[in-house]
Amino acid sequence: MKEFKHENILHKRHFDLQFSIRFEVVDDVNFYSPFHWHNHIEILYVLEGKIDFKIEQRKYVLGDGDMIIINSEVIHSSK
């Protein structure tokens, strides 16, 4: 069985919420995030372009205006 890296997401509290939100804009055409998982949900929204996304064994190709939500502790990667 493969072992996957646990991504530890560090964040600052900017709002008085019971949860935290982090926004990140990635505009690198060579971006690659190998298989990993974390304790947070992840919401990915594609502003423009295309991204190949894998959640466990399923493959998705997302384009302009597409969004995907990944639950916590689910193994995923993107390219």
N, C-alpha and C. Protein backbone atom coordinates (compact mmCIF):
# COMPACT_ATOMS: atom_id res chain seq x y z
N MET A 1 0.84 -1.19 0.00
CA MET A 1 0.00 0.00 0.00
C MET A 1 0.88 1.25 0.00
N LYS A 2 0.55 2.21 -0.86
CA LYS A 2 1.33 3.44 -0.93
C LYS A 2 1.03 4.33 0.26
N GLU A 3 2.05 5.08 0.66
CA GLU A 3 1.85 6.11 1.67
C GLU A 3 1.91 7.45 0.99
N PHE A 4 1.06 8.38 1.41
CA PHE A 4 1.01 9.68 0.80
C PHE A 4 1.34 10.75 1.82
N LYS A 5 1.87 11.85 1.34
CA LYS A 5 2.28 12.95 2.19
C LYS A 5 1.06 13.65 2.80
N HIS A 6 1.16 14.01 4.05
CA HIS A 6 0.13 14.80 4.72
C HIS A 6 0.52 16.26 4.57
N GLU A 7 -0.31 17.06 3.89
CA GLU A 7 -0.04 18.47 3.69
C GLU A 7 -0.55 19.23 4.90
N ASN A 8 0.35 19.88 5.61
CA ASN A 8 -0.02 20.66 6.78
C ASN A 8 -0.26 22.09 6.34
N ILE A 9 -1.50 22.56 6.42
CA ILE A 9 -1.85 23.89 5.95
C ILE A 9 -1.80 24.87 7.12
N LEU A 10 -0.91 25.84 6.99
CA LEU A 10 -0.77 26.88 8.01
C LEU A 10 -1.57 28.08 7.56
N HIS A 11 -2.21 28.73 8.49
CA HIS A 11 -3.06 29.86 8.13
C HIS A 11 -3.08 30.88 9.24
N LYS A 12 -3.50 32.07 8.91
CA LYS A 12 -3.69 33.14 9.87
C LYS A 12 -5.18 33.41 9.98
N ARG A 13 -5.62 33.77 11.16
CA ARG A 13 -7.03 34.10 11.34
C ARG A 13 -7.24 35.58 11.04
N HIS A 14 -7.94 35.85 9.94
CA HIS A 14 -8.23 37.22 9.55
C HIS A 14 -9.67 37.62 9.89
N PHE A 15 -10.48 36.65 10.21
CA PHE A 15 -11.88 36.91 10.48
C PHE A 15 -12.24 36.27 11.83
N ASP A 16 -13.31 36.75 12.44
CA ASP A 16 -13.77 36.16 13.70
C ASP A 16 -14.72 35.01 13.38
N LEU A 17 -14.18 33.92 12.88
CA LEU A 17 -14.96 32.75 12.48
C LEU A 17 -14.53 31.54 13.30
N GLN A 18 -15.36 30.53 13.31
CA GLN A 18 -15.03 29.28 13.98
C GLN A 18 -14.20 28.38 13.06
N PHE A 19 -13.92 28.86 11.88
CA PHE A 19 -13.10 28.13 10.92
C PHE A 19 -12.24 29.14 10.17
N SER A 20 -11.26 28.65 9.47
CA SER A 20 -10.39 29.56 8.73
C SER A 20 -10.54 29.31 7.24
N ILE A 21 -10.25 30.34 6.47
CA ILE A 21 -10.31 30.27 5.02
C ILE A 21 -8.98 30.77 4.47
N ARG A 22 -8.45 30.06 3.50
CA ARG A 22 -7.22 30.49 2.84
C ARG A 22 -7.46 30.52 1.34
N PHE A 23 -7.08 31.61 0.71
CA PHE A 23 -7.21 31.75 -0.74
C PHE A 23 -5.81 31.72 -1.34
N GLU A 24 -5.69 31.05 -2.45
CA GLU A 24 -4.41 30.98 -3.13
C GLU A 24 -4.67 31.02 -4.63
N VAL A 25 -3.99 31.92 -5.32
CA VAL A 25 -4.10 31.99 -6.78
C VAL A 25 -2.83 31.40 -7.36
N VAL A 26 -2.99 30.43 -8.23
CA VAL A 26 -1.86 29.76 -8.87
C VAL A 26 -1.96 30.05 -10.36
N ASP A 27 -0.93 30.70 -10.90
CA ASP A 27 -0.95 30.99 -12.33
C ASP A 27 0.28 30.43 -13.03
N ASP A 28 0.86 29.42 -12.47
CA ASP A 28 2.04 28.76 -13.03
C ASP A 28 1.58 27.65 -13.98
N VAL A 29 1.91 27.76 -15.24
CA VAL A 29 1.47 26.76 -16.22
C VAL A 29 2.13 25.40 -15.99
N ASN A 30 3.21 25.35 -15.22
CA ASN A 30 3.90 24.10 -14.94
C ASN A 30 3.63 23.60 -13.53
N PHE A 31 2.57 24.11 -12.89
CA PHE A 31 2.25 23.73 -11.51
C PHE A 31 1.92 22.25 -11.42
N TYR A 32 2.47 21.59 -10.40
CA TYR A 32 2.17 20.19 -10.14
C TYR A 32 2.13 20.00 -8.63
N SER A 33 1.06 19.42 -8.15
CA SER A 33 0.91 19.08 -6.75
C SER A 33 0.72 17.58 -6.66
N PRO A 34 1.77 16.85 -6.23
CA PRO A 34 1.66 15.38 -6.19
C PRO A 34 0.61 14.92 -5.19
N PHE A 35 0.27 13.65 -5.26
CA PHE A 35 -0.74 13.09 -4.36
C PHE A 35 -0.43 13.46 -2.91
N HIS A 36 -1.46 13.96 -2.23
CA HIS A 36 -1.34 14.36 -0.84
C HIS A 36 -2.76 14.37 -0.23
N TRP A 37 -2.82 14.63 1.05
CA TRP A 37 -4.11 14.78 1.73
C TRP A 37 -3.92 15.77 2.86
N HIS A 38 -5.02 16.28 3.39
CA HIS A 38 -4.96 17.18 4.53
C HIS A 38 -6.26 17.10 5.32
N ASN A 39 -6.26 17.73 6.47
CA ASN A 39 -7.40 17.67 7.38
C ASN A 39 -8.50 18.67 7.03
N HIS A 40 -8.33 19.44 5.98
CA HIS A 40 -9.28 20.47 5.60
C HIS A 40 -9.97 20.10 4.30
N ILE A 41 -11.13 20.70 4.05
CA ILE A 41 -11.72 20.55 2.73
C ILE A 41 -10.99 21.51 1.80
N GLU A 42 -11.02 21.21 0.52
CA GLU A 42 -10.38 22.07 -0.48
C GLU A 42 -11.41 22.36 -1.56
N ILE A 43 -11.53 23.62 -1.90
CA ILE A 43 -12.41 24.04 -2.99
C ILE A 43 -11.53 24.65 -4.06
N LEU A 44 -11.59 24.08 -5.24
CA LEU A 44 -10.76 24.55 -6.34
C LEU A 44 -11.67 25.13 -7.41
N TYR A 45 -11.42 26.37 -7.80
CA TYR A 45 -12.20 27.04 -8.84
C TYR A 45 -11.24 27.48 -9.93
N VAL A 46 -11.52 27.12 -11.16
CA VAL A 46 -10.64 27.46 -12.28
C VAL A 46 -11.13 28.77 -12.91
N LEU A 47 -10.31 29.81 -12.78
CA LEU A 47 -10.64 31.09 -13.39
C LEU A 47 -10.50 31.03 -14.90
N GLU A 48 -9.36 30.51 -15.35
CA GLU A 48 -9.14 30.33 -16.78
C GLU A 48 -8.06 29.28 -16.97
N GLY A 49 -8.12 28.62 -18.08
CA GLY A 49 -7.16 27.57 -18.37
C GLY A 49 -7.73 26.20 -18.09
N LYS A 50 -6.86 25.26 -17.84
CA LYS A 50 -7.25 23.87 -17.66
C LYS A 50 -6.39 23.25 -16.56
N ILE A 51 -6.94 22.34 -15.80
CA ILE A 51 -6.19 21.62 -14.78
C ILE A 51 -6.61 20.16 -14.80
N ASP A 52 -5.63 19.27 -14.76
CA ASP A 52 -5.89 17.83 -14.62
C ASP A 52 -5.89 17.54 -13.13
N PHE A 53 -6.97 16.96 -12.66
CA PHE A 53 -7.14 16.73 -11.23
C PHE A 53 -7.46 15.26 -10.99
N LYS A 54 -6.85 14.67 -9.98
CA LYS A 54 -7.13 13.29 -9.61
C LYS A 54 -7.56 13.25 -8.15
N ILE A 55 -8.65 12.55 -7.92
CA ILE A 55 -9.11 12.28 -6.55
C ILE A 55 -9.13 10.77 -6.42
N GLU A 56 -8.22 10.27 -5.59
CA GLU A 56 -8.00 8.84 -5.45
C GLU A 56 -7.79 8.25 -6.84
N GLN A 57 -8.66 7.40 -7.36
CA GLN A 57 -8.45 6.78 -8.67
C GLN A 57 -9.20 7.46 -9.81
N ARG A 58 -9.97 8.50 -9.51
CA ARG A 58 -10.76 9.17 -10.55
C ARG A 58 -10.01 10.37 -11.13
N LYS A 59 -10.15 10.56 -12.44
CA LYS A 59 -9.50 11.67 -13.12
C LYS A 59 -10.55 12.67 -13.60
N TYR A 60 -10.22 13.95 -13.48
CA TYR A 60 -11.09 15.03 -13.92
C TYR A 60 -10.26 16.05 -14.69
N VAL A 61 -10.85 16.62 -15.72
CA VAL A 61 -10.23 17.74 -16.42
C VAL A 61 -11.15 18.93 -16.20
N LEU A 62 -10.63 19.95 -15.51
CA LEU A 62 -11.42 21.13 -15.20
C LEU A 62 -10.99 22.28 -16.09
N GLY A 63 -11.95 23.08 -16.52
CA GLY A 63 -11.67 24.23 -17.37
C GLY A 63 -12.28 25.49 -16.81
N ASP A 64 -12.27 26.55 -17.60
CA ASP A 64 -12.79 27.86 -17.18
C ASP A 64 -14.14 27.73 -16.48
N GLY A 65 -14.24 28.26 -15.27
CA GLY A 65 -15.50 28.27 -14.55
C GLY A 65 -15.87 26.99 -13.83
N ASP A 66 -15.05 25.95 -13.94
CA ASP A 66 -15.33 24.69 -13.23
C ASP A 66 -14.86 24.78 -11.78
N MET A 67 -15.51 24.01 -10.93
CA MET A 67 -15.17 23.97 -9.51
C MET A 67 -15.25 22.54 -9.02
N ILE A 68 -14.40 22.21 -8.07
CA ILE A 68 -14.44 20.88 -7.47
C ILE A 68 -14.19 21.04 -5.97
N ILE A 69 -14.83 20.21 -5.18
CA ILE A 69 -14.67 20.22 -3.72
C ILE A 69 -14.12 18.87 -3.30
N ILE A 70 -13.03 18.89 -2.54
CA ILE A 70 -12.39 17.67 -2.07
C ILE A 70 -12.56 17.62 -0.56
N ASN A 71 -13.11 16.54 -0.08
CA ASN A 71 -13.34 16.38 1.35
C ASN A 71 -12.01 16.20 2.09
N SER A 72 -12.03 16.38 3.38
CA SER A 72 -10.83 16.19 4.18
C SER A 72 -10.40 14.71 4.14
N GLU A 73 -9.11 14.51 4.27
CA GLU A 73 -8.49 13.17 4.32
C GLU A 73 -8.68 12.36 3.05
N VAL A 74 -8.93 13.04 1.92
CA VAL A 74 -9.06 12.36 0.63
C VAL A 74 -7.79 12.62 -0.17
N ILE A 75 -7.20 11.57 -0.71
CA ILE A 75 -5.96 11.68 -1.46
C ILE A 75 -6.26 12.28 -2.84
N HIS A 76 -5.48 13.33 -3.21
CA HIS A 76 -5.70 14.00 -4.49
C HIS A 76 -4.41 14.64 -5.00
N SER A 77 -4.42 14.96 -6.29
CA SER A 77 -3.29 15.64 -6.91
C SER A 77 -3.79 16.52 -8.04
N SER A 78 -2.95 17.46 -8.48
CA SER A 78 -3.34 18.33 -9.58
C SER A 78 -2.12 18.69 -10.43
N LYS A 79 -2.40 18.95 -11.70
CA LYS A 79 -1.33 19.31 -12.64
C LYS A 79 -1.89 20.29 -13.64
